[in-house]
């Protein structure tokens, strides 16, 4: 037998994401939200960013293509 109780939990939820380049916003309800590119990284030994430095980048798909278009390699998944 399962014995249950109700609890109210305070949960942090994402309201929106903001492009660090152009300022475009999207909420989790928007299709655009799913196309944001998020990078989280910690600089390693001899990193030009700094050893152990944490950094993040949130970029909309439009800015990603504008900045990296000539470097993007498209491929088919096998």
Protein backbone atom coordinates (compact mmCIF):
# COMPACT_ATOMS: atom_id res chain seq x y z
CA UNK A 1 0.00 0.00 0.00
CA UNK A 2 1.23 3.48 -0.87
CA UNK A 3 0.69 6.12 1.74
CA UNK A 4 0.80 9.60 0.27
CA UNK A 5 0.87 13.14 1.43
CA UNK A 6 0.69 16.42 -0.45
CA UNK A 7 3.60 18.82 -0.36
CA UNK A 8 4.03 22.25 -1.85
CA UNK A 9 7.52 22.63 -3.24
CA UNK A 10 9.32 25.80 -4.16
CA UNK A 11 10.83 25.02 -7.54
CA UNK A 12 12.91 27.32 -9.65
CA UNK A 13 11.59 27.41 -13.20
CA UNK A 14 12.93 29.15 -16.29
CA UNK A 15 10.75 32.06 -17.36
CA UNK A 16 12.73 33.05 -20.44
CA UNK A 17 16.11 32.92 -22.09
CA UNK A 18 17.88 36.00 -23.46
CA UNK A 19 20.38 35.99 -26.30
CA UNK A 20 23.69 37.38 -25.04
CA UNK A 21 24.38 38.90 -28.47
CA UNK A 22 21.15 40.53 -29.69
CA UNK A 23 18.85 40.45 -26.64
CA UNK A 24 16.14 38.32 -28.32
CA UNK A 25 14.04 36.52 -25.72
CA UNK A 26 12.04 33.30 -25.71
CA UNK A 27 10.01 31.51 -23.07
CA UNK A 28 9.89 27.73 -22.70
CA UNK A 29 6.46 27.82 -24.39
CA UNK A 30 7.98 29.29 -27.59
CA UNK A 31 9.38 27.09 -30.38
CA UNK A 32 12.30 29.56 -30.58
CA UNK A 33 13.31 28.54 -27.04
CA UNK A 34 14.27 25.05 -28.22
CA UNK A 35 16.63 26.50 -30.83
CA UNK A 36 18.77 28.55 -28.43
CA UNK A 37 22.35 27.35 -28.15
CA UNK A 38 23.63 27.18 -24.59
CA UNK A 39 27.28 26.65 -23.76
CA UNK A 40 28.60 26.14 -20.24
CA UNK A 41 32.33 25.68 -19.82
CA UNK A 42 35.06 25.67 -17.21
CA UNK A 43 38.49 26.81 -18.33
CA UNK A 44 41.17 24.16 -17.93
CA UNK A 45 44.89 24.34 -17.37
CA UNK A 46 46.47 27.20 -19.37
CA UNK A 47 43.06 28.38 -20.60
CA UNK A 48 43.07 31.87 -22.10
CA UNK A 49 39.79 32.39 -20.23
CA UNK A 50 41.42 31.47 -16.93
CA UNK A 51 42.14 28.25 -15.10
CA UNK A 52 38.97 27.02 -13.42
CA UNK A 53 36.95 29.99 -14.65
CA UNK A 54 33.30 29.15 -15.30
CA UNK A 55 31.59 30.88 -18.20
CA UNK A 56 28.35 30.59 -20.08
CA UNK A 57 26.89 31.74 -23.37
CA UNK A 58 23.25 31.77 -24.49
CA UNK A 59 22.76 32.59 -28.17
CA UNK A 60 19.66 32.53 -30.35
CA UNK A 61 19.78 30.50 -33.55
CA UNK A 62 19.86 33.66 -35.66
CA UNK A 63 23.00 35.04 -34.00
CA UNK A 64 24.62 31.61 -33.98
CA UNK A 65 24.27 31.38 -37.76
CA UNK A 66 25.42 34.98 -38.30
CA UNK A 67 28.57 34.45 -36.25
CA UNK A 68 29.45 30.85 -37.14
CA UNK A 69 27.88 30.27 -40.57
CA UNK A 70 31.17 29.69 -42.36
CA UNK A 71 32.26 27.18 -39.69
CA UNK A 72 29.05 25.15 -39.38
CA UNK A 73 29.38 21.63 -40.73
CA UNK A 74 26.03 20.08 -41.55
CA UNK A 75 25.79 16.30 -41.53
CA UNK A 76 23.29 13.46 -41.63
CA UNK A 77 23.02 11.20 -38.61
CA UNK A 78 23.65 7.58 -39.38
